[in-house]
PDB file of N, CA and C in Angstrom:
ATOM      1  N   MET A   1      89.676 194.182 -63.764  1.00  0.00           N
ATOM      2  CA  MET A   1      88.826 194.953 -62.830  1.00  0.00           C
ATOM      3  C   MET A   1      88.789 196.340 -63.324  1.00  0.00           C
ATOM      4  N   GLN A   2      87.857 196.702 -64.054  1.00  0.00           N
ATOM      5  CA  GLN A   2      87.669 198.101 -64.570  1.00  0.00           C
ATOM      6  C   GLN A   2      87.103 198.956 -63.464  1.00  0.00           C
ATOM      7  N   GLY A   3      87.633 200.139 -63.298  1.00  0.00           N
ATOM      8  CA  GLY A   3      87.041 201.096 -62.391  1.00  0.00           C
ATOM      9  C   GLY A   3      87.315 200.827 -60.964  1.00  0.00           C
ATOM     10  N   GLY A   4      88.455 200.182 -60.600  1.00  0.00           N
ATOM     11  CA  GLY A   4      88.811 200.039 -59.214  1.00  0.00           C
ATOM     12  C   GLY A   4      89.263 201.336 -58.588  1.00  0.00           C
ATOM     13  N   CYS A   5      89.346 201.369 -57.279  1.00  0.00           N
ATOM     14  CA  CYS A   5      89.696 202.680 -56.680  1.00  0.00           C
ATOM     15  C   CYS A   5      91.143 202.961 -56.927  1.00  0.00           C
ATOM     16  N   ASP A   6      91.366 204.113 -57.598  1.00  0.00           N
ATOM     17  CA  ASP A   6      92.661 204.573 -58.008  1.00  0.00           C
ATOM     18  C   ASP A   6      93.084 205.863 -57.298  1.00  0.00           C
ATOM     19  N   LYS A   7      92.176 206.446 -56.445  1.00  0.00           N
ATOM     20  CA  LYS A   7      92.566 207.656 -55.774  1.00  0.00           C
ATOM     21  C   LYS A   7      91.969 207.537 -54.355  1.00  0.00           C
ATOM     22  N   GLY A   8      92.623 208.183 -53.416  1.00  0.00           N
ATOM     23  CA  GLY A   8      92.113 208.251 -52.045  1.00  0.00           C
ATOM     24  C   GLY A   8      92.495 206.922 -51.312  1.00  0.00           C
ATOM     25  N   PHE A   9      91.895 206.883 -50.093  1.00  0.00           N
ATOM     26  CA  PHE A   9      92.188 205.759 -49.198  1.00  0.00           C
ATOM     27  C   PHE A   9      91.164 204.634 -49.450  1.00  0.00           C
ATOM     28  N   CYS A  10      91.668 203.403 -49.595  1.00  0.00           N
ATOM     29  CA  CYS A  10      90.804 202.237 -49.785  1.00  0.00           C
ATOM     30  C   CYS A  10      91.460 201.122 -48.893  1.00  0.00           C
ATOM     31  N   LEU A  11      90.726 200.603 -47.931  1.00  0.00           N
ATOM     32  CA  LEU A  11      91.210 199.602 -47.052  1.00  0.00           C
ATOM     33  C   LEU A  11      91.274 198.230 -47.699  1.00  0.00           C
ATOM     34  N   SER A  12      90.300 197.919 -48.500  1.00  0.00           N
ATOM     35  CA  SER A  12      90.118 196.644 -49.106  1.00  0.00           C
ATOM     36  C   SER A  12      91.060 196.512 -50.331  1.00  0.00           C
ATOM     37  N   TYR A  13      91.910 195.412 -50.310  1.00  0.00           N
ATOM     38  CA  TYR A  13      92.795 195.205 -51.404  1.00  0.00           C
ATOM     39  C   TYR A  13      92.012 194.884 -52.644  1.00  0.00           C
ATOM     40  N   TYR A  14      90.906 194.187 -52.592  1.00  0.00           N
ATOM     41  CA  TYR A  14      90.155 193.745 -53.800  1.00  0.00           C
ATOM     42  C   TYR A  14      89.395 194.848 -54.497  1.00  0.00           C
ATOM     43  N   LYS A  15      89.254 195.955 -53.855  1.00  0.00           N
ATOM     44  CA  LYS A  15      88.559 197.102 -54.522  1.00  0.00           C
ATOM     45  C   LYS A  15      89.494 198.058 -55.155  1.00  0.00           C
ATOM     46  N   LEU A  16      90.821 197.795 -55.108  1.00  0.00           N
ATOM     47  CA  LEU A  16      91.850 198.646 -55.713  1.00  0.00           C
ATOM     48  C   LEU A  16      91.998 198.381 -57.219  1.00  0.00           C
ATOM     49  N   SER A  17      92.454 199.357 -57.939  1.00  0.00           N
ATOM     50  CA  SER A  17      92.778 199.137 -59.346  1.00  0.00           C
ATOM     51  C   SER A  17      94.119 198.316 -59.360  1.00  0.00           C
ATOM     52  N   TYR A  18      94.428 197.785 -60.578  1.00  0.00           N
ATOM     53  CA  TYR A  18      95.620 196.974 -60.663  1.00  0.00           C
ATOM     54  C   TYR A  18      96.866 197.798 -60.437  1.00  0.00           C
ATOM     55  N   ARG A  19      96.821 199.027 -60.852  1.00  0.00           N
ATOM     56  CA  ARG A  19      97.989 199.977 -60.615  1.00  0.00           C
ATOM     57  C   ARG A  19      98.256 200.043 -59.093  1.00  0.00           C
ATOM     58  N   ARG A  20      97.150 200.309 -58.324  1.00  0.00           N
ATOM     59  CA  ARG A  20      97.300 200.437 -56.846  1.00  0.00           C
ATOM     60  C   ARG A  20      97.613 199.171 -56.184  1.00  0.00           C
ATOM     61  N   LYS A  21      97.172 197.971 -56.816  1.00  0.00           N
ATOM     62  CA  LYS A  21      97.523 196.643 -56.269  1.00  0.00           C
ATOM     63  C   LYS A  21      98.972 196.459 -56.436  1.00  0.00           C
ATOM     64  N   LEU A  22      99.561 196.830 -57.582  1.00  0.00           N
ATOM     65  CA  LEU A  22     100.966 196.676 -57.824  1.00  0.00           C
ATOM     66  C   LEU A  22     101.738 197.530 -56.837  1.00  0.00           C
ATOM     67  N   ILE A  23     101.348 198.702 -56.584  1.00  0.00           N
ATOM     68  CA  ILE A  23     102.067 199.623 -55.663  1.00  0.00           C
ATOM     69  C   ILE A  23     102.061 199.020 -54.267  1.00  0.00           C
ATOM     70  N   ARG A  24     100.842 198.521 -53.847  1.00  0.00           N
ATOM     71  CA  ARG A  24     100.767 197.900 -52.565  1.00  0.00           C
ATOM     72  C   ARG A  24     101.473 196.625 -52.404  1.00  0.00           C
ATOM     73  N   THR A  25     101.597 195.864 -53.438  1.00  0.00           N
ATOM     74  CA  THR A  25     102.434 194.640 -53.430  1.00  0.00           C
ATOM     75  C   THR A  25     103.929 195.030 -53.257  1.00  0.00           C
ATOM     76  N   LEU A  26     104.388 196.003 -54.008  1.00  0.00           N
ATOM     77  CA  LEU A  26     105.856 196.429 -53.908  1.00  0.00           C
ATOM     78  C   LEU A  26     106.139 196.905 -52.497  1.00  0.00           C
ATOM     79  N   TRP A  27     105.244 197.748 -51.929  1.00  0.00           N
ATOM     80  CA  TRP A  27     105.508 198.247 -50.564  1.00  0.00           C
ATOM     81  C   TRP A  27     105.489 197.148 -49.563  1.00  0.00           C
ATOM     82  N   THR A  28     104.603 196.179 -49.679  1.00  0.00           N
ATOM     83  CA  THR A  28     104.564 195.102 -48.724  1.00  0.00           C
ATOM     84  C   THR A  28     105.794 194.181 -48.900  1.00  0.00           C
ATOM     85  N   PHE A  29     106.246 193.982 -50.131  1.00  0.00           N
ATOM     86  CA  PHE A  29     107.540 193.299 -50.315  1.00  0.00           C
ATOM     87  C   PHE A  29     108.703 193.985 -49.737  1.00  0.00           C
ATOM     88  N   LEU A  30     108.774 195.331 -49.892  1.00  0.00           N
ATOM     89  CA  LEU A  30     109.856 196.081 -49.315  1.00  0.00           C
ATOM     90  C   LEU A  30     109.874 195.973 -47.782  1.00  0.00           C
ATOM     91  N   LEU A  31     108.724 196.122 -47.184  1.00  0.00           N
ATOM     92  CA  LEU A  31     108.630 196.053 -45.715  1.00  0.00           C
ATOM     93  C   LEU A  31     108.888 194.655 -45.193  1.00  0.00           C
ATOM     94  N   GLY A  32     108.394 193.719 -45.866  1.00  0.00           N
ATOM     95  CA  GLY A  32     108.647 192.346 -45.525  1.00  0.00           C
ATOM     96  C   GLY A  32     110.132 191.920 -45.648  1.00  0.00           C
ATOM     97  N   SER A  33     110.792 192.495 -46.671  1.00  0.00           N
ATOM     98  CA  SER A  33     112.238 192.183 -46.907  1.00  0.00           C
ATOM     99  C   SER A  33     113.057 192.860 -45.775  1.00  0.00           C
ATOM    100  N   ILE A  34     112.683 194.041 -45.363  1.00  0.00           N
ATOM    101  CA  ILE A  34     113.334 194.700 -44.311  1.00  0.00           C
ATOM    102  C   ILE A  34     113.183 193.931 -42.981  1.00  0.00           C
ATOM    103  N   ALA A  35     111.985 193.373 -42.718  1.00  0.00           N
ATOM    104  CA  ALA A  35     111.691 192.585 -41.513  1.00  0.00           C
ATOM    105  C   ALA A  35     112.534 191.282 -41.592  1.00  0.00           C
ATOM    106  N   VAL A  36     112.637 190.619 -42.694  1.00  0.00           N
ATOM    107  CA  VAL A  36     113.442 189.402 -42.724  1.00  0.00           C
ATOM    108  C   VAL A  36     114.904 189.632 -42.514  1.00  0.00           C
ATOM    109  N   VAL A  37     115.417 190.737 -43.149  1.00  0.00           N
ATOM    110  CA  VAL A  37     116.822 191.117 -42.976  1.00  0.00           C
ATOM    111  C   VAL A  37     117.043 191.429 -41.546  1.00  0.00           C
ATOM    112  N   ALA A  38     116.112 192.110 -40.854  1.00  0.00           N
ATOM    113  CA  ALA A  38     116.296 192.486 -39.444  1.00  0.00           C
ATOM    114  C   ALA A  38     116.353 191.195 -38.617  1.00  0.00           C
ATOM    115  N   LEU A  39     115.481 190.223 -38.961  1.00  0.00           N
ATOM    116  CA  LEU A  39     115.465 188.954 -38.170  1.00  0.00           C
ATOM    117  C   LEU A  39     116.810 188.187 -38.417  1.00  0.00           C
ATOM    118  N   LEU A  40     117.269 188.202 -39.666  1.00  0.00           N
ATOM    119  CA  LEU A  40     118.514 187.499 -39.950  1.00  0.00           C
ATOM    120  C   LEU A  40     119.715 188.185 -39.202  1.00  0.00           C
ATOM    121  N   TYR A  41     119.633 189.541 -39.125  1.00  0.00           N
ATOM    122  CA  TYR A  41     120.718 190.240 -38.464  1.00  0.00           C
ATOM    123  C   TYR A  41     120.694 190.021 -36.932  1.00  0.00           C
ATOM    124  N   LEU A  42     119.530 189.925 -36.360  1.00  0.00           N
ATOM    125  CA  LEU A  42     119.420 189.770 -34.883  1.00  0.00           C
ATOM    126  C   LEU A  42     119.714 188.313 -34.512  1.00  0.00           C
ATOM    127  N   ARG A  43     119.595 187.370 -35.375  1.00  0.00           N
ATOM    128  CA  ARG A  43     119.863 185.951 -35.011  1.00  0.00           C
ATOM    129  C   ARG A  43     121.356 185.715 -34.919  1.00  0.00           C
ATOM    130  N   PRO A  44     121.873 185.276 -33.813  1.00  0.00           N
ATOM    131  CA  PRO A  44     123.360 185.170 -33.635  1.00  0.00           C
ATOM    132  C   PRO A  44     123.935 184.109 -34.561  1.00  0.00           C
ATOM    133  N   VAL A  45     123.313 182.887 -34.708  1.00  0.00           N
ATOM    134  CA  VAL A  45     123.891 181.922 -35.560  1.00  0.00           C
ATOM    135  C   VAL A  45     122.920 181.641 -36.706  1.00  0.00           C
ATOM    136  N   LEU A  46     123.283 182.092 -37.944  1.00  0.00           N
ATOM    137  CA  LEU A  46     122.363 181.964 -39.084  1.00  0.00           C
ATOM    138  C   LEU A  46     122.261 180.549 -39.590  1.00  0.00           C
ATOM    139  N   TRP A  47     123.233 179.673 -39.346  1.00  0.00           N
ATOM    140  CA  TRP A  47     123.200 178.413 -39.931  1.00  0.00           C
ATOM    141  C   TRP A  47     122.317 177.357 -39.195  1.00  0.00           C
ATOM    142  N   ASN A  48     121.788 177.756 -38.110  1.00  0.00           N
ATOM    143  CA  ASN A  48     120.910 176.864 -37.351  1.00  0.00           C
ATOM    144  C   ASN A  48     119.448 176.953 -37.794  1.00  0.00           C
ATOM    145  N   TRP A  49     119.152 177.733 -38.786  1.00  0.00           N
ATOM    146  CA  TRP A  49     117.788 177.836 -39.231  1.00  0.00           C
ATOM    147  C   TRP A  49     117.374 176.495 -39.866  1.00  0.00           C
ATOM    148  N   PRO A  50     116.149 176.092 -39.561  1.00  0.00           N
ATOM    149  CA  PRO A  50     115.671 174.809 -40.229  1.00  0.00           C
ATOM    150  C   PRO A  50     115.390 175.025 -41.655  1.00  0.00           C
ATOM    151  N   LEU A  51     115.485 174.026 -42.452  1.00  0.00           N
ATOM    152  CA  LEU A  51     115.293 174.172 -43.908  1.00  0.00           C
ATOM    153  C   LEU A  51     113.915 174.646 -44.268  1.00  0.00           C
ATOM    154  N   TYR A  52     112.881 174.268 -43.483  1.00  0.00           N
ATOM    155  CA  TYR A  52     111.508 174.764 -43.836  1.00  0.00           C
ATOM    156  C   TYR A  52     111.413 176.286 -43.702  1.00  0.00           C
ATOM    157  N   VAL A  53     112.225 176.941 -42.894  1.00  0.00           N
ATOM    158  CA  VAL A  53     112.123 178.389 -42.748  1.00  0.00           C
ATOM    159  C   VAL A  53     112.669 179.036 -44.048  1.00  0.00           C
ATOM    160  N   ALA A  54     113.865 178.480 -44.473  1.00  0.00           N
ATOM    161  CA  ALA A  54     114.428 178.985 -45.679  1.00  0.00           C
ATOM    162  C   ALA A  54     113.544 178.750 -46.888  1.00  0.00           C
ATOM    163  N   LEU A  55     112.933 177.620 -46.961  1.00  0.00           N
ATOM    164  CA  LEU A  55     111.978 177.280 -48.052  1.00  0.00           C
ATOM    165  C   LEU A  55     110.757 178.256 -48.041  1.00  0.00           C
ATOM    166  N   ALA A  56     110.274 178.553 -46.801  1.00  0.00           N
ATOM    167  CA  ALA A  56     109.140 179.433 -46.702  1.00  0.00           C
ATOM    168  C   ALA A  56     109.459 180.830 -47.142  1.00  0.00           C
ATOM    169  N   ILE A  57     110.683 181.292 -46.848  1.00  0.00           N
ATOM    170  CA  ILE A  57     111.115 182.587 -47.244  1.00  0.00           C
ATOM    171  C   ILE A  57     111.257 182.675 -48.816  1.00  0.00           C
ATOM    172  N   VAL A  58     111.820 181.617 -49.384  1.00  0.00           N
ATOM    173  CA  VAL A  58     111.958 181.580 -50.824  1.00  0.00           C
ATOM    174  C   VAL A  58     110.566 181.515 -51.473  1.00  0.00           C
ATOM    175  N   GLY A  59     109.697 180.747 -50.922  1.00  0.00           N
ATOM    176  CA  GLY A  59     108.302 180.567 -51.390  1.00  0.00           C
ATOM    177  C   GLY A  59     107.538 181.951 -51.377  1.00  0.00           C
ATOM    178  N   LEU A  60     107.746 182.618 -50.300  1.00  0.00           N
ATOM    179  CA  LEU A  60     107.053 183.954 -50.172  1.00  0.00           C
ATOM    180  C   LEU A  60     107.620 184.941 -51.174  1.00  0.00           C
ATOM    181  N   VAL A  61     108.954 184.916 -51.365  1.00  0.00           N
ATOM    182  CA  VAL A  61     109.520 185.843 -52.427  1.00  0.00           C
ATOM    183  C   VAL A  61     108.991 185.435 -53.801  1.00  0.00           C
ATOM    184  N   LEU A  62     108.900 184.204 -54.108  1.00  0.00           N
ATOM    185  CA  LEU A  62     108.338 183.803 -55.432  1.00  0.00           C
ATOM    186  C   LEU A  62     106.866 184.263 -55.559  1.00  0.00           C
ATOM    187  N   ILE A  63     106.109 184.080 -54.524  1.00  0.00           N
ATOM    188  CA  ILE A  63     104.672 184.526 -54.583  1.00  0.00           C
ATOM    189  C   ILE A  63     104.572 185.993 -54.808  1.00  0.00           C
ATOM    190  N   PHE A  64     105.447 186.833 -54.098  1.00  0.00           N
ATOM    191  CA  PHE A  64     105.373 188.249 -54.260  1.00  0.00           C
ATOM    192  C   PHE A  64     105.826 188.598 -55.734  1.00  0.00           C
ATOM    193  N   ILE A  65     106.733 187.984 -56.224  1.00  0.00           N
ATOM    194  CA  ILE A  65     107.217 188.244 -57.687  1.00  0.00           C
ATOM    195  C   ILE A  65     106.106 187.929 -58.654  1.00  0.00           C
ATOM    196  N   GLY A  66     105.493 186.787 -58.444  1.00  0.00           N
ATOM    197  CA  GLY A  66     104.350 186.367 -59.265  1.00  0.00           C
ATOM    198  C   GLY A  66     103.190 187.350 -59.216  1.00  0.00           C
ATOM    199  N   GLN A  67     102.864 187.754 -57.954  1.00  0.00           N
ATOM    200  CA  GLN A  67     101.761 188.688 -57.784  1.00  0.00           C
ATOM    201  C   GLN A  67     102.099 190.025 -58.398  1.00  0.00           C
ATOM    202  N   ALA A  68     103.241 190.536 -58.234  1.00  0.00           N
ATOM    203  CA  ALA A  68     103.681 191.806 -58.901  1.00  0.00           C
ATOM    204  C   ALA A  68     103.640 191.691 -60.476  1.00  0.00           C
ATOM    205  N   ALA A  69     104.061 190.507 -60.976  1.00  0.00           N
ATOM    206  CA  ALA A  69     104.063 190.373 -62.429  1.00  0.00           C
ATOM    207  C   ALA A  69     102.605 190.347 -62.937  1.00  0.00           C
ATOM    208  N   TYR A  70     101.784 189.597 -62.212  1.00  0.00           N
ATOM    209  CA  TYR A  70     100.359 189.541 -62.605  1.00  0.00           C
ATOM    210  C   TYR A  70      99.641 190.910 -62.576  1.00  0.00           C
ATOM    211  N   ASN A  71      99.839 191.599 -61.509  1.00  0.00           N
ATOM    212  CA  ASN A  71      99.200 192.970 -61.377  1.00  0.00           C
ATOM    213  C   ASN A  71      99.777 193.919 -62.450  1.00  0.00           C
ATOM    214  N   TYR A  72     101.091 193.801 -62.756  1.00  0.00           N
ATOM    215  CA  TYR A  72     101.656 194.693 -63.849  1.00  0.00           C
ATOM    216  C   TYR A  72     101.051 194.372 -65.168  1.00  0.00           C
ATOM    217  N   THR A  73     100.943 193.095 -65.490  1.00  0.00           N
ATOM    218  CA  THR A  73     100.397 192.714 -66.841  1.00  0.00           C
ATOM    219  C   THR A  73      98.891 193.144 -66.915  1.00  0.00           C
ATOM    220  N   LYS A  74      98.148 192.963 -65.837  1.00  0.00           N
ATOM    221  CA  LYS A  74      96.735 193.354 -65.893  1.00  0.00           C
ATOM    222  C   LYS A  74      96.599 194.859 -65.967  1.00  0.00           C
ATOM    223  N   TRP A  75      97.415 195.585 -65.259  1.00  0.00           N
ATOM    224  CA  TRP A  75      97.423 197.027 -65.304  1.00  0.00           C
ATOM    225  C   TRP A  75      97.779 197.511 -66.748  1.00  0.00           C
ATOM    226  N   GLN A  76      98.767 196.897 -67.411  1.00  0.00           N
ATOM    227  CA  GLN A  76      99.112 197.336 -68.728  1.00  0.00           C
ATOM    228  C   GLN A  76      98.008 196.995 -69.698  1.00  0.00           C
ATOM    229  N   ALA A  77      97.346 195.859 -69.586  1.00  0.00           N
ATOM    230  CA  ALA A  77      96.242 195.451 -70.408  1.00  0.00           C
ATOM    231  C   ALA A  77      95.051 196.495 -70.183  1.00  0.00           C
ATOM    232  N   GLU A  78      94.915 196.884 -68.973  1.00  0.00           N
ATOM    233  CA  GLU A  78      93.905 197.906 -68.723  1.00  0.00           C
ATOM    234  C   GLU A  78      94.122 199.187 -69.323  1.00  0.00           C
ATOM    235  N   VAL A  79      95.392 199.601 -69.328  1.00  0.00           N
ATOM    236  CA  VAL A  79      95.839 200.933 -69.907  1.00  0.00           C
ATOM    237  C   VAL A  79      95.661 200.839 -71.439  1.00  0.00           C
ATOM    238  N   ARG A  80      95.991 199.716 -72.070  1.00  0.00           N
ATOM    239  CA  ARG A  80      95.855 199.548 -73.476  1.00  0.00           C
ATOM    240  C   ARG A  80      94.441 199.379 -73.915  1.00  0.00           C
ATOM    241  N   GLY A  81      93.539 199.092 -72.984  1.00  0.00           N
ATOM    242  CA  GLY A  81      92.117 198.932 -73.295  1.00  0.00           C
ATOM    243  C   GLY A  81      91.815 197.484 -73.670  1.00  0.00           C
ATOM    244  N   GLU A  82      92.684 196.507 -73.448  1.00  0.00           N
ATOM    245  CA  GLU A  82      92.415 195.124 -73.743  1.00  0.00           C
ATOM    246  C   GLU A  82      91.531 194.585 -72.601  1.00  0.00           C
ATOM    247  N   SER A  83      90.731 193.583 -72.917  1.00  0.00           N
ATOM    248  CA  SER A  83      89.871 192.971 -71.978  1.00  0.00           C
ATOM    249  C   SER A  83      90.099 191.458 -72.009  1.00  0.00           C
ATOM    250  N   LYS A  84      90.887 190.888 -71.208  1.00  0.00           N
ATOM    251  CA  LYS A  84      91.069 189.468 -71.203  1.00  0.00           C
ATOM    252  C   LYS A  84      90.293 188.810 -70.005  1.00  0.00           C
ATOM    253  N   VAL A  85      89.110 188.477 -70.169  1.00  0.00           N
ATOM    254  CA  VAL A  85      88.309 187.915 -69.102  1.00  0.00           C
ATOM    255  C   VAL A  85      88.245 186.449 -69.188  1.00  0.00           C
TER     256      VAL A  85
END
């Protein structure tokens, strides 16, 4: 995505540059992690969580890591001037 929005406010995720997408992904991951830790802290008995909740949390973490890695590699390719379409 050459020429995405790299300065100023942009509400649409898809109009951002890969650098800004990476930053937005990391912020979202940070805030989501804080929310999950707060929920775990507020829950009195942690071992009563169903297995699908734990799998969903692990799945979301893997998706965030994959998205961050993808945006980082695309951003670095954009910086180097490579075009892999």
